[in-house]
Protein backbone atom coordinates (compact mmCIF):
# COMPACT_ATOMS: atom_id res chain seq x y z
CA MET A 1 0.00 0.00 0.00
CA LYS A 2 1.23 3.48 -0.88
CA VAL A 3 1.23 6.39 1.55
CA GLY A 4 0.75 10.01 0.55
CA ILE A 5 0.54 13.37 2.27
CA SER A 6 -2.08 16.09 2.03
CA THR A 7 -1.72 19.63 3.32
CA PHE A 8 -3.08 23.16 3.18
CA PRO A 9 -0.01 25.07 1.89
CA THR A 10 0.27 28.71 2.94
CA THR A 11 2.87 31.46 2.99
CA TYR A 12 3.72 30.62 6.60
CA ALA A 13 4.02 26.85 6.05
CA ILE A 14 7.04 24.83 4.94
CA ALA A 15 8.16 25.69 1.39
CA PRO A 16 7.02 23.28 -1.34
CA THR A 17 10.57 22.52 -2.46
CA VAL A 18 11.68 21.59 1.06
CA LEU A 19 8.55 19.55 1.80
CA ALA A 20 8.61 17.66 -1.49
CA ARG A 21 12.27 16.65 -1.21
CA ALA A 22 11.84 15.54 2.42
CA ALA A 23 8.63 13.62 1.64
CA GLU A 24 10.30 11.75 -1.22
CA GLU A 25 13.32 10.92 0.90
CA SER A 26 11.02 9.63 3.68
CA GLY A 27 9.30 7.21 1.30
CA PHE A 28 5.97 8.96 0.84
CA ASP A 29 4.73 8.35 -2.69
CA SER A 30 2.60 11.47 -3.26
CA LEU A 31 1.83 15.02 -2.18
CA PHE A 32 -1.70 16.39 -2.48
CA VAL A 33 -2.81 19.98 -1.91
CA VAL A 34 -6.22 21.61 -1.69
CA GLU A 35 -7.89 24.28 -3.80
CA HIS A 36 -10.22 27.18 -3.08
CA THR A 37 -9.95 30.11 -5.45
CA HIS A 38 -11.39 32.26 -2.65
CA ILE A 39 -13.79 32.10 0.28
CA PRO A 40 -16.78 34.47 0.13
CA ALA A 41 -16.78 36.89 3.05
CA SER A 42 -20.54 36.43 3.54
CA ARG A 43 -19.97 32.98 5.08
CA ARG A 44 -23.56 32.08 4.16
CA THR A 45 -22.64 28.44 3.54
CA PRO A 46 -21.66 26.84 6.86
CA TYR A 47 -18.43 24.92 7.26
CA PRO A 48 -19.47 21.24 6.77
CA PRO A 49 -17.78 19.85 9.93
CA GLY A 50 -19.29 22.69 11.97
CA GLY A 51 -17.77 25.62 13.83
CA GLU A 52 -15.63 28.37 12.35
CA LEU A 53 -13.95 27.85 8.99
CA PRO A 54 -10.16 27.60 9.47
CA SER A 55 -8.28 30.44 7.78
CA VAL A 56 -6.15 28.00 5.75
CA TYR A 57 -9.14 27.56 3.44
CA TRP A 58 -8.61 31.03 1.98
CA GLU A 59 -4.88 31.36 2.68
CA SER A 60 -3.66 28.34 0.68
CA TYR A 61 -1.61 28.72 -2.48
CA GLU A 62 -3.00 28.09 -5.95
CA PRO A 63 -2.32 24.34 -6.30
CA PHE A 64 -0.79 24.06 -9.78
CA THR A 65 1.87 26.68 -9.08
CA TYR A 66 2.69 25.01 -5.77
CA LEU A 67 2.83 21.50 -7.24
CA ALA A 68 5.04 22.61 -10.12
CA GLN A 69 7.67 23.68 -7.58
CA ALA A 70 7.31 20.36 -5.74
CA ALA A 71 7.70 18.38 -8.96
CA ALA A 72 10.73 20.38 -10.06
CA VAL A 73 12.88 19.21 -7.15
CA THR A 74 11.79 15.54 -7.06
CA GLU A 75 12.06 12.53 -9.34
CA ARG A 76 9.54 9.96 -8.07
CA LEU A 77 7.06 11.85 -5.91
CA LYS A 78 3.61 12.08 -7.46
CA VAL A 79 1.92 15.46 -7.14
CA GLY A 80 -1.83 15.84 -6.97
CA THR A 81 -4.80 18.07 -6.36
CA GLY A 82 -6.84 17.02 -3.40
CA ILE A 83 -9.06 18.39 -4.73
CA CYS A 84 -9.33 20.74 -7.74
CA LEU A 85 -12.73 22.45 -7.91
CA VAL A 86 -13.24 21.74 -11.60
CA PRO A 87 -16.52 23.67 -12.12
CA GLU A 88 -14.70 26.90 -11.19
CA HIS A 89 -12.39 26.64 -14.23
CA HIS A 90 -12.86 26.84 -17.97
CA PRO A 91 -12.21 23.29 -19.23
CA ILE A 92 -9.93 24.26 -22.14
CA ALA A 93 -7.71 26.39 -19.90
CA LEU A 94 -7.69 23.77 -17.15
CA ALA A 95 -6.89 21.00 -19.63
CA LYS A 96 -3.81 22.92 -20.74
CA ARG A 97 -2.75 23.61 -17.14
CA VAL A 98 -3.09 19.94 -16.18
CA ALA A 99 -1.28 18.70 -19.28
CA SER A 100 1.54 21.20 -18.76
CA LEU A 101 2.13 20.08 -15.17
CA ASP A 102 1.91 16.43 -16.16
CA ALA A 103 4.40 16.93 -18.99
CA LEU A 104 6.82 18.96 -16.88
CA SER A 105 6.68 16.35 -14.09
CA ASN A 106 7.15 13.49 -16.59
CA GLY A 107 3.73 11.99 -15.96
CA ARG A 108 3.58 12.31 -12.18
CA PHE A 109 0.36 14.32 -11.83
CA LEU A 110 -2.75 12.90 -10.08
CA PHE A 111 -5.87 14.91 -10.89
CA GLY A 112 -8.14 14.78 -7.86
CA VAL A 113 -11.41 16.53 -8.72
CA GLY A 114 -14.49 17.69 -6.88
CA ALA A 115 -17.49 19.96 -7.25
CA GLY A 116 -17.23 22.01 -4.07
CA TRP A 117 -19.37 22.57 -0.97
CA ASN A 118 -19.51 26.38 -0.81
CA ALA A 119 -22.53 27.66 -2.76
CA GLU A 120 -21.39 31.29 -2.84
CA GLU A 121 -17.93 30.35 -4.07
CA LEU A 122 -19.46 28.48 -6.99
CA GLU A 123 -21.95 31.28 -7.68
CA ASN A 124 -19.05 33.75 -7.95
CA HIS A 125 -17.83 31.61 -10.84
CA GLY A 126 -21.27 31.56 -12.44
CA ILE A 127 -22.13 28.01 -11.35
CA ALA A 128 -25.43 27.13 -9.67
CA PHE A 129 -24.84 24.88 -6.66
CA ASN A 130 -27.34 22.24 -7.86
CA ASP A 131 -25.60 22.04 -11.25
CA ARG A 132 -22.08 21.60 -9.91
CA TRP A 133 -21.67 17.84 -10.50
CA ARG A 134 -23.26 17.96 -13.95
CA VAL A 135 -20.87 20.80 -14.83
CA LEU A 136 -17.93 18.82 -13.44
CA GLU A 137 -18.76 15.78 -15.55
CA GLU A 138 -18.98 17.80 -18.76
CA HIS A 139 -15.75 19.62 -17.93
CA VAL A 140 -13.94 16.32 -17.33
CA ARG A 141 -15.23 14.81 -20.56
CA ALA A 142 -14.27 17.97 -22.47
CA MET A 143 -10.78 17.93 -20.94
CA LYS A 144 -10.31 14.28 -21.89
CA ALA A 145 -11.05 15.27 -25.47
CA CYS A 146 -8.42 18.04 -25.26
CA TRP A 147 -5.85 15.63 -23.83
CA THR A 148 -6.38 12.81 -26.33
CA GLU A 149 -7.50 14.35 -29.63
CA LYS A 150 -5.71 16.63 -32.10
CA ASP A 151 -8.93 18.32 -33.22
CA ALA A 152 -10.76 18.26 -29.91
CA GLU A 153 -14.38 19.31 -29.74
CA PHE A 154 -17.20 18.99 -27.23
CA HIS A 155 -20.87 19.81 -27.35
CA GLY A 156 -22.86 19.66 -24.13
CA ARG A 157 -25.27 21.63 -22.03
CA PHE A 158 -22.62 23.57 -20.07
CA VAL A 159 -19.60 23.21 -22.38
CA ASP A 160 -19.66 23.75 -26.12
CA PHE A 161 -16.76 24.25 -28.49
CA ASP A 162 -15.84 23.36 -32.07
CA PRO A 163 -12.48 21.71 -32.90
CA VAL A 164 -9.52 23.21 -31.04
CA TRP A 165 -5.81 22.42 -30.77
CA VAL A 166 -4.63 22.14 -27.17
CA GLU A 167 -0.95 21.38 -26.60
CA PRO A 168 1.11 20.00 -24.96
CA LYS A 169 -0.51 16.62 -24.52
CA PRO A 170 0.01 14.88 -21.16
CA VAL A 171 2.90 12.45 -20.75
CA HIS A 172 0.68 10.08 -18.75
CA LYS A 173 -1.37 8.15 -21.31
CA PRO A 174 -4.11 8.46 -22.22
CA HIS A 175 -4.22 11.30 -19.67
CA PRO A 176 -3.52 11.89 -15.96
CA PRO A 177 -5.82 9.77 -13.79
CA VAL A 178 -9.01 11.59 -12.82
CA LEU A 179 -9.73 10.76 -9.17
CA ILE A 180 -13.28 11.53 -8.02
CA GLY A 181 -13.06 13.26 -4.65
CA ALA A 182 -16.31 12.52 -2.85
CA ALA A 183 -17.51 9.84 -0.45
CA SER A 184 -21.24 9.50 -1.13
CA LYS A 185 -23.10 6.66 -2.85
CA TRP A 186 -23.52 8.95 -5.87
CA ALA A 187 -19.74 9.38 -6.02
CA ILE A 188 -19.36 5.68 -6.80
CA GLU A 189 -21.62 6.09 -9.84
CA ARG A 190 -19.37 8.89 -11.09
CA VAL A 191 -16.18 6.93 -10.45
CA VAL A 192 -17.41 4.04 -12.59
CA ASP A 193 -18.97 6.29 -15.25
CA PHE A 194 -16.10 8.68 -15.99
CA GLY A 195 -13.40 8.43 -13.31
CA ASP A 196 -10.06 6.64 -13.20
CA GLY A 197 -9.89 6.47 -9.42
CA TRP A 198 -11.70 7.27 -6.19
CA LEU A 199 -10.39 9.81 -3.66
CA PRO A 200 -12.72 9.86 -0.63
CA ILE A 201 -12.25 10.67 3.02
CA LEU A 202 -12.39 7.71 5.38
CA VAL A 203 -16.09 7.85 6.31
CA PRO A 204 -17.98 5.49 8.68
CA ASP A 205 -19.74 3.68 5.81
CA PHE A 206 -16.55 3.28 3.78
CA ALA A 207 -16.76 -0.54 3.68
CA GLU A 208 -20.29 -0.29 2.27
CA ARG A 209 -19.10 2.14 -0.41
CA MET A 210 -16.28 -0.25 -1.37
CA ARG A 211 -18.80 -3.07 -1.77
CA GLN A 212 -20.89 -0.75 -3.92
CA LEU A 213 -17.85 0.00 -6.07
CA ASP A 214 -17.12 -3.71 -6.58
CA THR A 215 -20.74 -4.47 -7.46
CA LEU A 216 -21.14 -1.55 -9.84
CA CYS A 217 -17.93 -2.42 -11.69
CA GLU A 218 -19.20 -5.95 -12.18
CA THR A 219 -22.63 -4.75 -13.33
CA ARG A 220 -21.22 -2.26 -15.81
CA HIS A 221 -18.37 -4.48 -16.97
CA ARG A 222 -15.70 -2.11 -15.67
CA ASP A 223 -12.36 -3.60 -14.64
CA ARG A 224 -12.24 -2.95 -10.89
CA THR A 225 -8.44 -3.18 -10.87
CA SER A 226 -8.28 -0.18 -13.21
CA ILE A 227 -9.74 2.05 -10.48
CA GLU A 228 -7.16 3.18 -7.94
CA VAL A 229 -8.61 3.92 -4.50
CA SER A 230 -6.83 6.53 -2.39
CA VAL A 231 -8.23 7.47 1.02
CA PHE A 232 -7.75 10.69 2.94
CA GLY A 233 -7.11 9.61 6.50
CA ALA A 234 -4.10 7.42 7.12
CA PRO A 235 -4.31 5.77 10.54
CA ASN A 236 -0.96 4.58 11.87
CA ASP A 237 -2.73 1.42 12.94
CA ARG A 238 -1.52 -1.85 11.41
CA PRO A 239 -4.79 -3.82 11.80
CA LEU A 240 -6.82 -0.99 10.25
CA LEU A 241 -4.34 -0.62 7.41
CA GLU A 242 -4.59 -4.36 6.81
CA SER A 243 -8.38 -4.06 6.74
CA LEU A 244 -8.25 -1.22 4.19
CA ALA A 245 -5.79 -3.15 2.03
CA ALA A 246 -8.06 -6.20 2.12
CA MET A 247 -10.94 -4.03 0.90
CA GLY A 248 -8.86 -2.91 -2.08
CA VAL A 249 -7.45 0.43 -0.96
CA ASP A 250 -4.28 1.29 -2.89
CA ARG A 251 -3.16 4.43 -1.06
CA VAL A 252 -3.76 6.13 2.28
CA ILE A 253 -3.11 9.86 2.62
CA ALA A 254 -2.03 11.43 5.91
CA LEU A 255 -2.90 15.03 6.74
CA LEU A 256 0.15 17.17 7.43
CA PRO A 257 -0.97 20.16 9.53
CA THR A 258 -0.04 23.61 8.23
CA LEU A 259 3.27 24.04 10.02
CA GLY A 260 6.60 25.77 9.55
CA GLU A 261 9.69 24.01 8.25
CA ALA A 262 11.10 22.58 11.48
CA GLU A 263 7.72 21.34 12.70
CA SER A 264 6.83 19.82 9.33
CA LEU A 265 10.13 17.95 9.07
CA ALA A 266 9.61 16.63 12.59
CA TRP A 267 6.12 15.48 11.56
CA LEU A 268 7.60 13.60 8.59
CA ASP A 269 10.08 11.87 10.88
CA ALA A 270 7.33 10.96 13.33
CA ASN A 271 5.12 9.52 10.58
CA ALA A 272 7.80 7.63 8.67
CA SER A 273 6.67 4.50 10.52
CA LEU A 274 3.35 4.74 8.64
CA VAL A 275 5.22 4.21 5.38
CA GLU A 276 6.92 1.15 6.84
CA SER A 277 3.64 -0.23 8.21
CA ALA A 278 1.93 0.03 4.83
CA ARG A 279 4.86 -1.00 2.63
CA ASP A 280 4.13 -4.73 2.47
CA LEU A 281 0.33 -4.52 2.35
């Protein structure tokens, strides 16, 4: 089983170049970072876990810029969005940004995607909250056309364009894996329909969702082994890791708190045992 890291990267946290090098040296296989283009000051939409929204949600760096720095100083470490709010981007522009990072990292980009939970944030981008997943699906399908076709075109309800040339193409073929970042029963439908992987948090009904994934793949004749499952929440607990591996989890992702350099490096040292615990699973 692989072990990754996720963090909210800010100006007062460890630098991406330092973190990426140290993570690779410690045996972590991937580095994921979050995305929010902004947080509306109205705060009309409540923070899903409850309480006050932590400031890191609006203080974090733009992920592609951050991950490009991380990729530039590493050779094996995969870099990923966890998650990119796809409806908030134009699909042609985002396709080029993703392909550029994948090409520059020699195929090491993992494209975690989601539709967002903040209604006002989406509205500021012209997206109705109830349309967000339908918009995401069209954007993903349009981007796949841009990544794989010379004369790419797409005609949908939310996205419509005649043939375009979008270069460079990704190094990862046919394109970087699209990991659906949601944990609901509807997320499983999307994973099987148009995803390449599943990127949920470790929720209480996770085992039920995994059974749903297995069943749906069989029903729709989708090769279950082609879907990589990566879970946010990496317990340093050998029996639980064994249980997740037995269910078919390929990667667990530990949350690195937003800390300065010394504290972050100490965290990596303290969590290196997680890599060892998961290595032979």
